[in-house]
C-alpha atoms as a PDB file:
ATOM      1  CA  MET A   1      41.588  66.059-112.647  1.00  0.00           C
ATOM      2  CA  LEU A   2      41.603  65.292-116.379  1.00  0.00           C
ATOM      3  CA  ARG A   3      40.049  68.378-118.004  1.00  0.00           C
ATOM      4  CA  GLY A   4      40.256  67.235-121.593  1.00  0.00           C
ATOM      5  CA  VAL A   5      41.986  65.302-124.356  1.00  0.00           C
ATOM      6  CA  LEU A   6      43.311  66.733-127.623  1.00  0.00           C
ATOM      7  CA  PHE A   7      43.585  64.389-130.596  1.00  0.00           C
ATOM      8  CA  ASP A   8      45.574  64.519-133.790  1.00  0.00           C
ATOM      9  CA  LEU A   9      43.541  63.235-136.753  1.00  0.00           C
ATOM     10  CA  ASP A  10      45.562  61.353-139.395  1.00  0.00           C
ATOM     11  CA  GLY A  11      47.044  58.166-137.990  1.00  0.00           C
ATOM     12  CA  VAL A  12      45.263  58.617-134.659  1.00  0.00           C
ATOM     13  CA  LEU A  13      41.510  58.861-135.175  1.00  0.00           C
ATOM     14  CA  VAL A  14      41.597  57.779-138.807  1.00  0.00           C
ATOM     15  CA  ASP A  15      43.576  55.542-141.127  1.00  0.00           C
ATOM     16  CA  SER A  16      44.230  57.875-144.031  1.00  0.00           C
ATOM     17  CA  LEU A  17      47.271  56.246-145.623  1.00  0.00           C
ATOM     18  CA  ALA A  18      45.430  54.936-148.694  1.00  0.00           C
ATOM     19  CA  SER A  19      43.421  58.141-149.156  1.00  0.00           C
ATOM     20  CA  ILE A  20      46.319  60.557-148.739  1.00  0.00           C
ATOM     21  CA  GLY A  21      48.668  58.264-150.664  1.00  0.00           C
ATOM     22  CA  ALA A  22      46.337  58.151-153.665  1.00  0.00           C
ATOM     23  CA  CYS A  23      46.049  61.956-153.683  1.00  0.00           C
ATOM     24  CA  PHE A  24      49.790  62.411-153.251  1.00  0.00           C
ATOM     25  CA  ASN A  25      50.482  60.114-156.197  1.00  0.00           C
ATOM     26  CA  HIS A  26      47.774  61.787-158.268  1.00  0.00           C
ATOM     27  CA  ALA A  27      49.548  65.100-157.709  1.00  0.00           C
ATOM     28  CA  LEU A  28      52.928  63.605-158.595  1.00  0.00           C
ATOM     29  CA  GLN A  29      51.563  62.172-161.825  1.00  0.00           C
ATOM     30  CA  THR A  30      49.959  65.525-162.658  1.00  0.00           C
ATOM     31  CA  LEU A  31      53.513  66.933-162.584  1.00  0.00           C
ATOM     32  CA  GLY A  32      54.773  64.076-164.751  1.00  0.00           C
ATOM     33  CA  ARG A  33      56.466  62.322-161.829  1.00  0.00           C
ATOM     34  CA  PRO A  34      56.191  58.579-161.097  1.00  0.00           C
ATOM     35  CA  PRO A  35      53.955  57.467-158.221  1.00  0.00           C
ATOM     36  CA  LEU A  36      55.522  56.289-154.971  1.00  0.00           C
ATOM     37  CA  PRO A  37      54.726  53.113-153.004  1.00  0.00           C
ATOM     38  CA  LEU A  38      52.495  53.659-149.977  1.00  0.00           C
ATOM     39  CA  ALA A  39      55.213  52.468-147.604  1.00  0.00           C
ATOM     40  CA  SER A  40      57.459  55.342-148.659  1.00  0.00           C
ATOM     41  CA  LEU A  41      54.620  57.845-148.238  1.00  0.00           C
ATOM     42  CA  ARG A  42      53.819  56.846-144.642  1.00  0.00           C
ATOM     43  CA  PRO A  43      56.550  59.073-143.109  1.00  0.00           C
ATOM     44  CA  LEU A  44      55.183  62.051-145.075  1.00  0.00           C
ATOM     45  CA  ILE A  45      51.767  61.934-143.381  1.00  0.00           C
ATOM     46  CA  GLY A  46      51.513  64.207-140.366  1.00  0.00           C
ATOM     47  CA  PRO A  47      53.544  67.319-141.224  1.00  0.00           C
ATOM     48  CA  PRO A  48      51.953  70.165-143.228  1.00  0.00           C
ATOM     49  CA  LEU A  49      51.316  69.028-146.806  1.00  0.00           C
ATOM     50  CA  GLU A  50      53.603  71.625-148.330  1.00  0.00           C
ATOM     51  CA  GLU A  51      56.472  70.405-146.129  1.00  0.00           C
ATOM     52  CA  SER A  52      55.952  66.799-147.211  1.00  0.00           C
ATOM     53  CA  ALA A  53      55.571  67.756-150.869  1.00  0.00           C
ATOM     54  CA  GLN A  54      58.728  69.835-150.747  1.00  0.00           C
ATOM     55  CA  SER A  55      60.718  66.839-149.497  1.00  0.00           C
ATOM     56  CA  VAL A  56      59.746  64.970-152.678  1.00  0.00           C
ATOM     57  CA  ILE A  57      59.572  67.575-155.457  1.00  0.00           C
ATOM     58  CA  GLY A  58      61.816  70.372-154.170  1.00  0.00           C
ATOM     59  CA  ASP A  59      61.060  73.936-153.163  1.00  0.00           C
ATOM     60  CA  ASP A  60      60.090  75.532-156.468  1.00  0.00           C
ATOM     61  CA  PRO A  61      57.014  77.637-155.493  1.00  0.00           C
ATOM     62  CA  GLN A  62      55.207  77.112-158.793  1.00  0.00           C
ATOM     63  CA  LEU A  63      55.676  73.339-158.703  1.00  0.00           C
ATOM     64  CA  LEU A  64      54.510  73.224-155.090  1.00  0.00           C
ATOM     65  CA  ALA A  65      51.421  75.255-155.911  1.00  0.00           C
ATOM     66  CA  ARG A  66      50.555  72.958-158.836  1.00  0.00           C
ATOM     67  CA  PHE A  67      51.156  69.870-156.714  1.00  0.00           C
ATOM     68  CA  ILE A  68      48.942  71.060-153.877  1.00  0.00           C
ATOM     69  CA  ALA A  69      46.176  72.207-156.224  1.00  0.00           C
ATOM     70  CA  ALA A  70      46.084  68.746-157.839  1.00  0.00           C
ATOM     71  CA  TYR A  71      46.242  67.010-154.481  1.00  0.00           C
ATOM     72  CA  ARG A  72      43.411  69.059-152.995  1.00  0.00           C
ATOM     73  CA  GLU A  73      41.205  68.702-156.054  1.00  0.00           C
ATOM     74  CA  ARG A  74      41.197  64.925-155.661  1.00  0.00           C
ATOM     75  CA  TYR A  75      41.184  64.980-151.857  1.00  0.00           C
ATOM     76  CA  ALA A  76      38.139  67.255-151.665  1.00  0.00           C
ATOM     77  CA  ALA A  77      36.226  64.820-153.874  1.00  0.00           C
ATOM     78  CA  THR A  78      37.335  61.565-152.241  1.00  0.00           C
ATOM     79  CA  ALA A  79      38.485  62.089-148.641  1.00  0.00           C
ATOM     80  CA  VAL A  80      35.184  61.344-146.917  1.00  0.00           C
ATOM     81  CA  ALA A  81      34.644  58.142-148.903  1.00  0.00           C
ATOM     82  CA  GLU A  82      38.239  56.899-148.768  1.00  0.00           C
ATOM     83  CA  THR A  83      39.263  57.731-145.173  1.00  0.00           C
ATOM     84  CA  ARG A  84      38.831  54.775-142.835  1.00  0.00           C
ATOM     85  CA  PRO A  85      38.225  54.985-139.077  1.00  0.00           C
ATOM     86  CA  ALA A  86      40.938  53.766-136.752  1.00  0.00           C
ATOM     87  CA  ALA A  87      39.935  50.530-135.036  1.00  0.00           C
ATOM     88  CA  GLY A  88      37.571  51.272-132.166  1.00  0.00           C
ATOM     89  CA  LEU A  89      37.020  54.911-133.142  1.00  0.00           C
ATOM     90  CA  VAL A  90      33.296  55.233-132.438  1.00  0.00           C
ATOM     91  CA  GLU A  91      33.327  53.197-129.237  1.00  0.00           C
ATOM     92  CA  VAL A  92      36.379  54.909-127.772  1.00  0.00           C
ATOM     93  CA  VAL A  93      35.532  58.534-128.497  1.00  0.00           C
ATOM     94  CA  THR A  94      31.932  57.995-127.399  1.00  0.00           C
ATOM     95  CA  GLU A  95      33.136  56.574-124.083  1.00  0.00           C
ATOM     96  CA  LEU A  96      35.715  59.309-123.577  1.00  0.00           C
ATOM     97  CA  ALA A  97      33.331  62.122-124.521  1.00  0.00           C
ATOM     98  CA  ALA A  98      31.013  60.952-121.741  1.00  0.00           C
ATOM     99  CA  ARG A  99      33.878  61.383-119.258  1.00  0.00           C
ATOM    100  CA  THR A 100      35.673  64.532-120.366  1.00  0.00           C
ATOM    101  CA  ASP A 101      35.871  67.195-123.076  1.00  0.00           C
ATOM    102  CA  LEU A 102      37.530  66.235-126.354  1.00  0.00           C
ATOM    103  CA  ALA A 103      39.010  68.353-129.143  1.00  0.00           C
ATOM    104  CA  VAL A 104      40.843  67.734-132.414  1.00  0.00           C
ATOM    105  CA  ALA A 105      44.027  69.592-133.358  1.00  0.00           C
ATOM    106  CA  THR A 106      45.218  68.608-136.842  1.00  0.00           C
ATOM    107  CA  SER A 107      47.579  69.988-139.460  1.00  0.00           C
ATOM    108  CA  LYS A 108      44.972  69.041-142.057  1.00  0.00           C
ATOM    109  CA  PRO A 109      42.908  71.996-143.298  1.00  0.00           C
ATOM    110  CA  GLU A 110      39.827  72.321-141.132  1.00  0.00           C
ATOM    111  CA  VAL A 111      37.537  72.330-144.177  1.00  0.00           C
ATOM    112  CA  PHE A 112      38.594  68.708-144.786  1.00  0.00           C
ATOM    113  CA  ALA A 113      38.788  67.551-141.166  1.00  0.00           C
ATOM    114  CA  ARG A 114      35.216  68.438-140.267  1.00  0.00           C
ATOM    115  CA  PRO A 115      33.425  66.488-143.036  1.00  0.00           C
ATOM    116  CA  ILE A 116      35.682  63.471-142.516  1.00  0.00           C
ATOM    117  CA  LEU A 117      34.768  63.250-138.826  1.00  0.00           C
ATOM    118  CA  ALA A 118      31.117  63.931-139.632  1.00  0.00           C
ATOM    119  CA  GLY A 119      31.142  61.166-142.237  1.00  0.00           C
ATOM    120  CA  LEU A 120      32.544  58.751-139.671  1.00  0.00           C
ATOM    121  CA  GLY A 121      29.778  59.705-137.238  1.00  0.00           C
ATOM    122  CA  VAL A 122      31.948  61.170-134.465  1.00  0.00           C
ATOM    123  CA  ALA A 123      32.126  64.931-135.104  1.00  0.00           C
ATOM    124  CA  HIS A 124      29.559  65.550-132.358  1.00  0.00           C
ATOM    125  CA  CYS A 125      31.899  63.967-129.784  1.00  0.00           C
ATOM    126  CA  PHE A 126      34.363  66.870-130.012  1.00  0.00           C
ATOM    127  CA  ARG A 127      33.844  70.279-128.473  1.00  0.00           C
ATOM    128  CA  ALA A 128      36.218  71.729-131.057  1.00  0.00           C
ATOM    129  CA  ILE A 129      37.724  70.577-134.358  1.00  0.00           C
ATOM    130  CA  CYS A 130      40.712  72.780-135.114  1.00  0.00           C
ATOM    131  CA  GLY A 131      42.831  72.575-138.233  1.00  0.00           C
ATOM    132  CA  ARG A 132      44.797  74.751-140.585  1.00  0.00           C
ATOM    133  CA  SER A 133      43.501  77.137-143.202  1.00  0.00           C
ATOM    134  CA  LEU A 134      44.177  76.497-146.882  1.00  0.00           C
ATOM    135  CA  GLU A 135      47.076  78.969-146.848  1.00  0.00           C
ATOM    136  CA  LEU A 136      50.469  77.496-147.754  1.00  0.00           C
ATOM    137  CA  ASP A 137      52.144  78.914-144.656  1.00  0.00           C
ATOM    138  CA  ALA A 138      53.502  75.676-143.105  1.00  0.00           C
ATOM    139  CA  GLU A 139      51.730  76.605-139.879  1.00  0.00           C
ATOM    140  CA  PRO A 140      53.329  74.632-137.016  1.00  0.00           C
ATOM    141  CA  LYS A 141      51.317  72.181-134.956  1.00  0.00           C
ATOM    142  CA  ALA A 142      51.782  74.348-131.864  1.00  0.00           C
ATOM    143  CA  ALA A 143      49.692  77.090-133.493  1.00  0.00           C
ATOM    144  CA  VAL A 144      46.810  74.695-134.194  1.00  0.00           C
ATOM    145  CA  ILE A 145      46.983  73.399-130.631  1.00  0.00           C
ATOM    146  CA  ALA A 146      46.871  76.998-129.376  1.00  0.00           C
ATOM    147  CA  ARG A 147      43.475  77.413-131.080  1.00  0.00           C
ATOM    148  CA  ALA A 148      42.204  74.154-129.603  1.00  0.00           C
ATOM    149  CA  LEU A 149      43.291  75.388-126.171  1.00  0.00           C
ATOM    150  CA  GLN A 150      40.702  78.140-126.357  1.00  0.00           C
ATOM    151  CA  THR A 151      38.108  75.400-125.823  1.00  0.00           C
ATOM    152  CA  PHE A 152      39.733  74.866-122.433  1.00  0.00           C
ATOM    153  CA  ALA A 153      39.918  78.555-121.437  1.00  0.00           C
ATOM    154  CA  GLY A 154      43.486  78.750-122.762  1.00  0.00           C
ATOM    155  CA  ARG A 155      44.811  76.634-119.891  1.00  0.00           C
ATOM    156  CA  ALA A 156      46.966  73.534-120.372  1.00  0.00           C
ATOM    157  CA  GLU A 157      46.501  72.119-116.869  1.00  0.00           C
ATOM    158  CA  GLY A 158      44.814  68.735-116.854  1.00  0.00           C
ATOM    159  CA  LEU A 159      45.055  68.275-120.623  1.00  0.00           C
ATOM    160  CA  VAL A 160      46.634  65.412-122.561  1.00  0.00           C
ATOM    161  CA  MET A 161      47.504  65.241-126.265  1.00  0.00           C
ATOM    162  CA  VAL A 162      47.152  62.031-128.294  1.00  0.00           C
ATOM    163  CA  GLY A 163      49.387  61.917-131.364  1.00  0.00           C
ATOM    164  CA  ASP A 164      51.380  59.649-133.623  1.00  0.00           C
ATOM    165  CA  ARG A 165      54.193  61.909-134.879  1.00  0.00           C
ATOM    166  CA  ARG A 166      56.915  64.022-133.289  1.00  0.00           C
ATOM    167  CA  HIS A 167      55.132  67.169-134.489  1.00  0.00           C
ATOM    168  CA  ASP A 168      52.260  66.331-132.139  1.00  0.00           C
ATOM    169  CA  VAL A 169      54.548  65.777-129.170  1.00  0.00           C
ATOM    170  CA  ILE A 170      56.644  68.895-129.777  1.00  0.00           C
ATOM    171  CA  GLY A 171      53.629  71.070-130.543  1.00  0.00           C
ATOM    172  CA  ALA A 172      51.867  70.010-127.352  1.00  0.00           C
ATOM    173  CA  ALA A 173      55.022  70.433-125.268  1.00  0.00           C
ATOM    174  CA  THR A 174      55.220  74.058-126.426  1.00  0.00           C
ATOM    175  CA  HIS A 175      52.086  74.615-124.337  1.00  0.00           C
ATOM    176  CA  GLY A 176      53.117  72.356-121.463  1.00  0.00           C
ATOM    177  CA  ILE A 177      50.793  69.511-122.503  1.00  0.00           C
ATOM    178  CA  PRO A 178      52.108  65.923-122.191  1.00  0.00           C
ATOM    179  CA  THR A 179      51.481  63.476-125.024  1.00  0.00           C
ATOM    180  CA  ILE A 180      50.325  59.897-125.362  1.00  0.00           C
ATOM    181  CA  GLY A 181      52.007  58.462-128.441  1.00  0.00           C
ATOM    182  CA  VAL A 182      49.862  55.889-130.242  1.00  0.00           C
ATOM    183  CA  LEU A 183      51.603  53.120-132.117  1.00  0.00           C
ATOM    184  CA  HIS A 184      48.940  52.323-134.731  1.00  0.00           C
ATOM    185  CA  GLY A 185      49.667  55.523-136.663  1.00  0.00           C
ATOM    186  CA  MET A 186      52.311  56.843-139.028  1.00  0.00           C
ATOM    187  CA  GLY A 187      55.191  57.378-136.599  1.00  0.00           C
ATOM    188  CA  SER A 188      57.402  54.797-134.938  1.00  0.00           C
ATOM    189  CA  GLU A 189      57.888  54.129-131.249  1.00  0.00           C
ATOM    190  CA  ASP A 190      61.459  55.429-131.579  1.00  0.00           C
ATOM    191  CA  GLU A 191      60.226  58.693-133.104  1.00  0.00           C
ATOM    192  CA  LEU A 192      57.659  59.213-130.371  1.00  0.00           C
ATOM    193  CA  ARG A 193      60.067  58.389-127.553  1.00  0.00           C
ATOM    194  CA  ALA A 194      62.778  60.640-128.994  1.00  0.00           C
ATOM    195  CA  ALA A 195      60.298  63.524-129.263  1.00  0.00           C
ATOM    196  CA  GLY A 196      59.390  63.129-125.600  1.00  0.00           C
ATOM    197  CA  ALA A 197      56.039  61.310-125.533  1.00  0.00           C
ATOM    198  CA  ARG A 198      55.315  60.642-121.855  1.00  0.00           C
ATOM    199  CA  TRP A 199      53.185  57.553-122.464  1.00  0.00           C
ATOM    200  CA  LEU A 200      52.672  55.048-125.281  1.00  0.00           C
ATOM    201  CA  ALA A 201      49.479  53.235-126.265  1.00  0.00           C
ATOM    202  CA  ALA A 202      49.157  50.390-128.733  1.00  0.00           C
ATOM    203  CA  ASP A 203      45.966  51.788-130.270  1.00  0.00           C
ATOM    204  CA  LEU A 204      42.785  53.743-129.559  1.00  0.00           C
ATOM    205  CA  ARG A 205      41.235  50.913-127.575  1.00  0.00           C
ATOM    206  CA  ALA A 206      44.063  51.182-125.031  1.00  0.00           C
ATOM    207  CA  LEU A 207      43.246  54.840-124.304  1.00  0.00           C
ATOM    208  CA  PRO A 208      40.345  54.638-121.826  1.00  0.00           C
ATOM    209  CA  GLY A 209      42.307  52.481-119.390  1.00  0.00           C
ATOM    210  CA  LEU A 210      45.499  54.483-119.810  1.00  0.00           C
ATOM    211  CA  LEU A 211      43.666  57.763-119.298  1.00  0.00           C
ATOM    212  CA  ARG A 212      42.191  56.438-116.045  1.00  0.00           C
ATOM    213  CA  GLU A 213      45.730  55.673-114.884  1.00  0.00           C
ATOM    214  CA  ILE A 214      46.932  59.112-115.967  1.00  0.00           C
ATOM    215  CA  GLU A 215      44.027  60.865-114.245  1.00  0.00           C
ATOM    216  CA  ALA A 216      44.984  59.174-110.994  1.00  0.00           C
ATOM    217  CA  GLN A 217      48.434  60.791-111.329  1.00  0.00           C
ATOM    218  CA  LEU A 218      47.214  64.317-112.120  1.00  0.00           C
END
């Protein structure tokens, strides 16, 4: 029996490349650095922000703090307006929520994740929306998923994760949860396969049918 589905947010439920990219470049320019093309920022979306920022500006704590403060200032003001839904978002999550329990487990701070999903009209479809705090602690995805698991009595049996990056696959596997890797997000098919995604889906609209197939195997 399929007990529930956990979803990553960026690249899975939403298309946030333009929104996050604009904030990332705003933060770079605040530090006097040149902006980067969106294509080069795509691989940086998914991991904790401080990890992605560090890969671009280095590990100086003061620079990182200034970068993240500038990023969050713009993101808090623009994220709801600039974040786009993934194709089929409302239809798919509405259909799935009528069949099973849904939850979100994202490395985005929860204070940003909740208004984004509310603004897109789907927050009510999820029994839990779990994200990080605003602390710069590089909390791993497995820890966020552990909080989402409390919605399901702390048990991984019958659960499936839907993600687009290796962090999703590895974090879910820590708890014994298999992952569907979606190909419309930020990660590549090679990345998802190498991380151990059990299934692949072209996009959100492919999920209802695939989940019926998976449920028959559980």
